[in-house]
PDB file of N, CA and C in Angstrom:
ATOM      1  N   MET A   1     102.327  64.201 106.244  1.00  0.00           N
ATOM      2  CA  MET A   1     101.608  64.748 105.116  1.00  0.00           C
ATOM      3  C   MET A   1     102.131  64.076 103.848  1.00  0.00           C
ATOM      4  N   ASP A   2     101.231  63.560 103.060  1.00  0.00           N
ATOM      5  CA  ASP A   2     101.651  62.851 101.856  1.00  0.00           C
ATOM      6  C   ASP A   2     101.654  63.776 100.636  1.00  0.00           C
ATOM      7  N   ILE A   3     102.163  63.243  99.530  1.00  0.00           N
ATOM      8  CA  ILE A   3     102.333  64.031  98.311  1.00  0.00           C
ATOM      9  C   ILE A   3     100.981  64.452  97.730  1.00  0.00           C
ATOM     10  N   GLU A   4      99.984  63.610  97.834  1.00  0.00           N
ATOM     11  CA  GLU A   4      98.670  63.951  97.286  1.00  0.00           C
ATOM     12  C   GLU A   4      98.041  65.127  98.028  1.00  0.00           C
ATOM     13  N   THR A   5      98.204  65.170  99.336  1.00  0.00           N
ATOM     14  CA  THR A   5      97.685  66.294 100.121  1.00  0.00           C
ATOM     15  C   THR A   5      98.410  67.584  99.764  1.00  0.00           C
ATOM     16  N   LEU A   6      99.736  67.515  99.635  1.00  0.00           N
ATOM     17  CA  LEU A   6     100.506  68.697  99.244  1.00  0.00           C
ATOM     18  C   LEU A   6     100.145  69.169  97.839  1.00  0.00           C
ATOM     19  N   THR A   7      99.934  68.223  96.939  1.00  0.00           N
ATOM     20  CA  THR A   7      99.548  68.578  95.573  1.00  0.00           C
ATOM     21  C   THR A   7      98.207  69.297  95.573  1.00  0.00           C
ATOM     22  N   THR A   8      97.258  68.797  96.321  1.00  0.00           N
ATOM     23  CA  THR A   8      95.949  69.439  96.417  1.00  0.00           C
ATOM     24  C   THR A   8      96.064  70.820  97.055  1.00  0.00           C
ATOM     25  N   PHE A   9      96.882  70.925  98.092  1.00  0.00           N
ATOM     26  CA  PHE A   9      97.109  72.218  98.746  1.00  0.00           C
ATOM     27  C   PHE A   9      97.658  73.247  97.766  1.00  0.00           C
ATOM     28  N   PHE A  10      98.705  72.888  97.030  1.00  0.00           N
ATOM     29  CA  PHE A  10      99.298  73.833  96.092  1.00  0.00           C
ATOM     30  C   PHE A  10      98.373  74.118  94.906  1.00  0.00           C
ATOM     31  N   MET A  11      97.549  73.156  94.534  1.00  0.00           N
ATOM     32  CA  MET A  11      96.577  73.402  93.470  1.00  0.00           C
ATOM     33  C   MET A  11      95.602  74.496  93.902  1.00  0.00           C
ATOM     34  N   TRP A  12      95.040  74.372  95.113  1.00  0.00           N
ATOM     35  CA  TRP A  12      94.091  75.370  95.579  1.00  0.00           C
ATOM     36  C   TRP A  12      94.759  76.711  95.857  1.00  0.00           C
ATOM     37  N   CYS A  13      95.991  76.692  96.337  1.00  0.00           N
ATOM     38  CA  CYS A  13      96.733  77.954  96.507  1.00  0.00           C
ATOM     39  C   CYS A  13      96.908  78.651  95.171  1.00  0.00           C
ATOM     40  N   THR A  14      97.248  77.894  94.147  1.00  0.00           N
ATOM     41  CA  THR A  14      97.434  78.464  92.821  1.00  0.00           C
ATOM     42  C   THR A  14      96.127  79.022  92.279  1.00  0.00           C
ATOM     43  N   ILE A  15      95.043  78.285  92.421  1.00  0.00           N
ATOM     44  CA  ILE A  15      93.745  78.736  91.921  1.00  0.00           C
ATOM     45  C   ILE A  15      93.309  80.015  92.630  1.00  0.00           C
ATOM     46  N   LEU A  16      93.389  80.047  93.946  1.00  0.00           N
ATOM     47  CA  LEU A  16      92.941  81.214  94.701  1.00  0.00           C
ATOM     48  C   LEU A  16      93.827  82.434  94.446  1.00  0.00           C
ATOM     49  N   ASN A  17      95.128  82.244  94.418  1.00  0.00           N
ATOM     50  CA  ASN A  17      96.024  83.373  94.159  1.00  0.00           C
ATOM     51  C   ASN A  17      95.903  83.871  92.723  1.00  0.00           C
ATOM     52  N   ALA A  18      95.711  82.982  91.770  1.00  0.00           N
ATOM     53  CA  ALA A  18      95.524  83.401  90.384  1.00  0.00           C
ATOM     54  C   ALA A  18      94.209  84.171  90.235  1.00  0.00           C
ATOM     55  N   ALA A  19      93.168  83.740  90.929  1.00  0.00           N
ATOM     56  CA  ALA A  19      91.892  84.462  90.890  1.00  0.00           C
ATOM     57  C   ALA A  19      92.044  85.859  91.488  1.00  0.00           C
ATOM     58  N   LEU A  20      92.774  85.964  92.582  1.00  0.00           N
ATOM     59  CA  LEU A  20      93.026  87.271  93.188  1.00  0.00           C
ATOM     60  C   LEU A  20      93.860  88.154  92.270  1.00  0.00           C
ATOM     61  N   LEU A  21      94.817  87.566  91.590  1.00  0.00           N
ATOM     62  CA  LEU A  21      95.640  88.306  90.641  1.00  0.00           C
ATOM     63  C   LEU A  21      94.805  88.828  89.473  1.00  0.00           C
ATOM     64  N   VAL A  22      93.938  87.996  88.930  1.00  0.00           N
ATOM     65  CA  VAL A  22      93.076  88.409  87.815  1.00  0.00           C
ATOM     66  C   VAL A  22      92.094  89.493  88.277  1.00  0.00           C
ATOM     67  N   LEU A  23      91.517  89.315  89.460  1.00  0.00           N
ATOM     68  CA  LEU A  23      90.574  90.296  89.981  1.00  0.00           C
ATOM     69  C   LEU A  23      91.242  91.655  90.193  1.00  0.00           C
ATOM     70  N   SER A  24      92.405  91.653  90.814  1.00  0.00           N
ATOM     71  CA  SER A  24      93.091  92.923  91.057  1.00  0.00           C
ATOM     72  C   SER A  24      93.540  93.565  89.749  1.00  0.00           C
ATOM     73  N   SER A  25      93.958  92.764  88.786  1.00  0.00           N
ATOM     74  CA  SER A  25      94.333  93.314  87.479  1.00  0.00           C
ATOM     75  C   SER A  25      93.131  93.929  86.778  1.00  0.00           C
ATOM     76  N   LEU A  26      91.995  93.245  86.809  1.00  0.00           N
ATOM     77  CA  LEU A  26      90.784  93.784  86.186  1.00  0.00           C
ATOM     78  C   LEU A  26      90.323  95.072  86.861  1.00  0.00           C
ATOM     79  N   ILE A  27      90.401  95.118  88.172  1.00  0.00           N
ATOM     80  CA  ILE A  27      90.014  96.332  88.890  1.00  0.00           C
ATOM     81  C   ILE A  27      90.932  97.484  88.510  1.00  0.00           C
ATOM     82  N   CYS A  28      92.224  97.218  88.428  1.00  0.00           N
ATOM     83  CA  CYS A  28      93.171  98.284  88.081  1.00  0.00           C
ATOM     84  C   CYS A  28      93.033  98.718  86.628  1.00  0.00           C
ATOM     85  N   VAL A  29      92.613  97.826  85.746  1.00  0.00           N
ATOM     86  CA  VAL A  29      92.439  98.188  84.340  1.00  0.00           C
ATOM     87  C   VAL A  29      91.101  98.905  84.119  1.00  0.00           C
ATOM     88  N   CYS A  30      90.050  98.369  84.693  1.00  0.00           N
ATOM     89  CA  CYS A  30      88.715  98.911  84.436  1.00  0.00           C
ATOM     90  C   CYS A  30      88.362 100.117  85.312  1.00  0.00           C
ATOM     91  N   ALA A  31      88.907 100.192  86.502  1.00  0.00           N
ATOM     92  CA  ALA A  31      88.549 101.268  87.432  1.00  0.00           C
ATOM     93  C   ALA A  31      89.801 101.987  87.931  1.00  0.00           C
ATOM     94  N   ARG A  32      90.718 102.281  87.022  1.00  0.00           N
ATOM     95  CA  ARG A  32      92.000 102.880  87.389  1.00  0.00           C
ATOM     96  C   ARG A  32      91.826 104.215  88.117  1.00  0.00           C
ATOM     97  N   ASP A  33      90.921 105.067  87.628  1.00  0.00           N
ATOM     98  CA  ASP A  33      90.733 106.377  88.258  1.00  0.00           C
ATOM     99  C   ASP A  33      90.153 106.246  89.663  1.00  0.00           C
ATOM    100  N   TRP A  34      89.206 105.323  89.833  1.00  0.00           N
ATOM    101  CA  TRP A  34      88.623 105.107  91.152  1.00  0.00           C
ATOM    102  C   TRP A  34      89.672 104.607  92.145  1.00  0.00           C
ATOM    103  N   VAL A  35      90.510 103.666  91.701  1.00  0.00           N
ATOM    104  CA  VAL A  35      91.567 103.134  92.557  1.00  0.00           C
ATOM    105  C   VAL A  35      92.562 104.240  92.913  1.00  0.00           C
ATOM    106  N   TYR A  36      92.904 105.066  91.934  1.00  0.00           N
ATOM    107  CA  TYR A  36      93.834 106.167  92.195  1.00  0.00           C
ATOM    108  C   TYR A  36      93.238 107.159  93.194  1.00  0.00           C
ATOM    109  N   ARG A  37      91.973 107.524  93.023  1.00  0.00           N
ATOM    110  CA  ARG A  37      91.338 108.469  93.954  1.00  0.00           C
ATOM    111  C   ARG A  37      91.294 107.910  95.367  1.00  0.00           C
ATOM    112  N   ALA A  38      90.986 106.613  95.483  1.00  0.00           N
ATOM    113  CA  ALA A  38      90.917 105.999  96.813  1.00  0.00           C
ATOM    114  C   ALA A  38      92.284 105.998  97.488  1.00  0.00           C
ATOM    115  N   HIS A  39      93.327 105.696  96.747  1.00  0.00           N
ATOM    116  CA  HIS A  39      94.659 105.640  97.344  1.00  0.00           C
ATOM    117  C   HIS A  39      95.279 107.017  97.533  1.00  0.00           C
ATOM    118  N   SER A  40      94.933 107.953  96.682  1.00  0.00           N
ATOM    119  CA  SER A  40      95.519 109.291  96.819  1.00  0.00           C
ATOM    120  C   SER A  40      94.955 110.032  98.029  1.00  0.00           C
ATOM    121  N   LYS A  41      93.837 109.575  98.574  1.00  0.00           N
ATOM    122  CA  LYS A  41      93.340 110.154  99.830  1.00  0.00           C
ATOM    123  C   LYS A  41      94.256 109.786 100.992  1.00  0.00           C
ATOM    124  N   TRP A  42      94.832 108.597 100.953  1.00  0.00           N
ATOM    125  CA  TRP A  42      95.718 108.138 102.024  1.00  0.00           C
ATOM    126  C   TRP A  42      97.151 108.601 101.820  1.00  0.00           C
ATOM    127  N   PHE A  43      97.616 108.522 100.567  1.00  0.00           N
ATOM    128  CA  PHE A  43      99.008 108.828 100.250  1.00  0.00           C
ATOM    129  C   PHE A  43      99.053 109.853  99.116  1.00  0.00           C
ATOM    130  N   PRO A  44      99.638 111.020  99.355  1.00  0.00           N
ATOM    131  CA  PRO A  44      99.747 111.992  98.258  1.00  0.00           C
ATOM    132  C   PRO A  44     100.808 111.532  97.257  1.00  0.00           C
ATOM    133  N   ILE A  45     100.351 111.057  96.102  1.00  0.00           N
ATOM    134  CA  ILE A  45     101.253 110.491  95.107  1.00  0.00           C
ATOM    135  C   ILE A  45     100.792 110.931  93.717  1.00  0.00           C
ATOM    136  N   PRO A  46     101.725 111.310  92.852  1.00  0.00           N
ATOM    137  CA  PRO A  46     101.325 111.662  91.482  1.00  0.00           C
ATOM    138  C   PRO A  46     100.776 110.435  90.737  1.00  0.00           C
ATOM    139  N   LYS A  47      99.926 110.684  89.776  1.00  0.00           N
ATOM    140  CA  LYS A  47      99.271 109.595  89.047  1.00  0.00           C
ATOM    141  C   LYS A  47     100.283 108.710  88.318  1.00  0.00           C
ATOM    142  N   GLU A  48     101.337 109.304  87.756  1.00  0.00           N
ATOM    143  CA  GLU A  48     102.341 108.514  87.039  1.00  0.00           C
ATOM    144  C   GLU A  48     103.074 107.569  87.993  1.00  0.00           C
ATOM    145  N   ALA A  49     103.411 108.060  89.180  1.00  0.00           N
ATOM    146  CA  ALA A  49     104.082 107.213  90.170  1.00  0.00           C
ATOM    147  C   ALA A  49     103.142 106.115  90.662  1.00  0.00           C
ATOM    148  N   PHE A  50     101.867 106.445  90.801  1.00  0.00           N
ATOM    149  CA  PHE A  50     100.884 105.449  91.208  1.00  0.00           C
ATOM    150  C   PHE A  50     100.766 104.333  90.178  1.00  0.00           C
ATOM    151  N   ASN A  51     100.738 104.703  88.888  1.00  0.00           N
ATOM    152  CA  ASN A  51     100.652 103.695  87.830  1.00  0.00           C
ATOM    153  C   ASN A  51     101.858 102.769  87.853  1.00  0.00           C
ATOM    154  N   VAL A  52     103.039 103.328  88.064  1.00  0.00           N
ATOM    155  CA  VAL A  52     104.252 102.507  88.146  1.00  0.00           C
ATOM    156  C   VAL A  52     104.187 101.586  89.356  1.00  0.00           C
ATOM    157  N   ALA A  53     103.725 102.099  90.496  1.00  0.00           N
ATOM    158  CA  ALA A  53     103.648 101.291  91.715  1.00  0.00           C
ATOM    159  C   ALA A  53     102.658 100.137  91.561  1.00  0.00           C
ATOM    160  N   ILE A  54     101.485 100.423  90.995  1.00  0.00           N
ATOM    161  CA  ILE A  54     100.482  99.370  90.816  1.00  0.00           C
ATOM    162  C   ILE A  54     100.967  98.317  89.816  1.00  0.00           C
ATOM    163  N   TYR A  55     101.551  98.766  88.715  1.00  0.00           N
ATOM    164  CA  TYR A  55     102.075  97.835  87.721  1.00  0.00           C
ATOM    165  C   TYR A  55     103.180  96.966  88.327  1.00  0.00           C
ATOM    166  N   SER A  56     104.046  97.573  89.124  1.00  0.00           N
ATOM    167  CA  SER A  56     105.125  96.819  89.777  1.00  0.00           C
ATOM    168  C   SER A  56     104.570  95.822  90.777  1.00  0.00           C
ATOM    169  N   PHE A  57     103.558  96.232  91.549  1.00  0.00           N
ATOM    170  CA  PHE A  57     102.957  95.337  92.524  1.00  0.00           C
ATOM    171  C   PHE A  57     102.322  94.120  91.848  1.00  0.00           C
ATOM    172  N   ILE A  58     101.567  94.356  90.786  1.00  0.00           N
ATOM    173  CA  ILE A  58     100.910  93.248  90.094  1.00  0.00           C
ATOM    174  C   ILE A  58     101.950  92.321  89.459  1.00  0.00           C
ATOM    175  N   GLY A  59     102.996  92.894  88.889  1.00  0.00           N
ATOM    176  CA  GLY A  59     104.060  92.072  88.316  1.00  0.00           C
ATOM    177  C   GLY A  59     104.781  91.241  89.363  1.00  0.00           C
ATOM    178  N   LEU A  60     105.095  91.846  90.517  1.00  0.00           N
ATOM    179  CA  LEU A  60     105.749  91.111  91.600  1.00  0.00           C
ATOM    180  C   LEU A  60     104.845  90.016  92.135  1.00  0.00           C
ATOM    181  N   TYR A  61     103.560  90.327  92.305  1.00  0.00           N
ATOM    182  CA  TYR A  61     102.616  89.329  92.800  1.00  0.00           C
ATOM    183  C   TYR A  61     102.517  88.148  91.835  1.00  0.00           C
ATOM    184  N   LYS A  62     102.525  88.423  90.538  1.00  0.00           N
ATOM    185  CA  LYS A  62     102.478  87.352  89.540  1.00  0.00           C
ATOM    186  C   LYS A  62     103.713  86.459  89.642  1.00  0.00           C
ATOM    187  N   ILE A  63     104.877  87.060  89.789  1.00  0.00           N
ATOM    188  CA  ILE A  63     106.108  86.284  89.927  1.00  0.00           C
ATOM    189  C   ILE A  63     106.063  85.432  91.191  1.00  0.00           C
ATOM    190  N   LEU A  64     105.568  85.998  92.298  1.00  0.00           N
ATOM    191  CA  LEU A  64     105.482  85.245  93.554  1.00  0.00           C
ATOM    192  C   LEU A  64     104.488  84.091  93.453  1.00  0.00           C
ATOM    193  N   VAL A  65     103.364  84.299  92.791  1.00  0.00           N
ATOM    194  CA  VAL A  65     102.378  83.229  92.608  1.00  0.00           C
ATOM    195  C   VAL A  65     102.974  82.097  91.783  1.00  0.00           C
ATOM    196  N   ILE A  66     103.650  82.449  90.714  1.00  0.00           N
ATOM    197  CA  ILE A  66     104.268  81.413  89.873  1.00  0.00           C
ATOM    198  C   ILE A  66     105.346  80.665  90.637  1.00  0.00           C
ATOM    199  N   THR A  67     106.200  81.401  91.349  1.00  0.00           N
ATOM    200  CA  THR A  67     107.336  80.784  92.037  1.00  0.00           C
ATOM    201  C   THR A  67     106.916  79.927  93.220  1.00  0.00           C
ATOM    202  N   PHE A  68     106.000  80.432  94.040  1.00  0.00           N
ATOM    203  CA  PHE A  68     105.685  79.741  95.288  1.00  0.00           C
ATOM    204  C   PHE A  68     104.408  78.918  95.265  1.00  0.00           C
ATOM    205  N   ASN A  69     103.624  78.997  94.199  1.00  0.00           N
ATOM    206  CA  ASN A  69     102.406  78.193  94.100  1.00  0.00           C
ATOM    207  C   ASN A  69     102.404  77.282  92.888  1.00  0.00           C
ATOM    208  N   LEU A  70     102.603  77.851  91.716  1.00  0.00           N
ATOM    209  CA  LEU A  70     102.472  77.069  90.488  1.00  0.00           C
ATOM    210  C   LEU A  70     103.622  76.076  90.301  1.00  0.00           C
ATOM    211  N   ILE A  71     104.852  76.515  90.484  1.00  0.00           N
ATOM    212  CA  ILE A  71     106.010  75.631  90.295  1.00  0.00           C
ATOM    213  C   ILE A  71     105.984  74.447  91.267  1.00  0.00           C
ATOM    214  N   PRO A  72     105.724  74.681  92.593  1.00  0.00           N
ATOM    215  CA  PRO A  72     105.615  73.494  93.465  1.00  0.00           C
ATOM    216  C   PRO A  72     104.478  72.559  93.078  1.00  0.00           C
ATOM    217  N   TYR A  73     103.352  73.127  92.621  1.00  0.00           N
ATOM    218  CA  TYR A  73     102.236  72.286  92.189  1.00  0.00           C
ATOM    219  C   TYR A  73     102.629  71.419  91.001  1.00  0.00           C
ATOM    220  N   ILE A  74     103.299  72.006  90.019  1.00  0.00           N
ATOM    221  CA  ILE A  74     103.740  71.251  88.839  1.00  0.00           C
ATOM    222  C   ILE A  74     104.744  70.181  89.244  1.00  0.00           C
ATOM    223  N   ALA A  75     105.702  70.536  90.109  1.00  0.00           N
ATOM    224  CA  ALA A  75     106.712  69.571  90.543  1.00  0.00           C
ATOM    225  C   ALA A  75     106.066  68.402  91.289  1.00  0.00           C
ATOM    226  N   LEU A  76     105.127  68.698  92.181  1.00  0.00           N
ATOM    227  CA  LEU A  76     104.463  67.618  92.910  1.00  0.00           C
ATOM    228  C   LEU A  76     103.575  66.778  91.989  1.00  0.00           C
ATOM    229  N   SER A  77     102.980  67.406  90.995  1.00  0.00           N
ATOM    230  CA  SER A  77     102.163  66.652  90.038  1.00  0.00           C
ATOM    231  C   SER A  77     103.012  65.691  89.223  1.00  0.00           C
ATOM    232  N   ILE A  78     104.232  66.102  88.892  1.00  0.00           N
ATOM    233  CA  ILE A  78     105.113  65.256  88.109  1.00  0.00           C
ATOM    234  C   ILE A  78     105.580  64.049  88.925  1.00  0.00           C
ATOM    235  N   ILE A  79     105.968  64.271  90.184  1.00  0.00           N
ATOM    236  CA  ILE A  79     106.500  63.161  90.967  1.00  0.00           C
ATOM    237  C   ILE A  79     105.417  62.323  91.635  1.00  0.00           C
ATOM    238  N   GLY A  80     104.190  62.864  91.726  1.00  0.00           N
ATOM    239  CA  GLY A  80     103.124  62.153  92.408  1.00  0.00           C
ATOM    240  C   GLY A  80     102.393  61.284  91.494  1.00  0.00           C
TER     241      GLY A  80
END
C-alpha cells in the first residue's frame, strides 16, 4: 500500500466521520427532547445526567476523529 492510497483512505475517513459528528451534534441540539425520550425508554436516566453523557460522548468522538483520522491525514499529506 502506497502513501497516496493511505492519504486518500484517511481523507475519506475524516470526511465521513466529521459528517457523522456534525449530524449527531445537530440532532442532539435541534431534537434534544426527542433523543432524550427515545433513550429514556431503554435506560432510566435523569435529563441532567443524559445531557452530560451526550455532551461527553460527542466530545470524546471529536477527539477520536481528530486523533485517528485528521492527524494521520495531515501527516501523510505533508510527507506525500
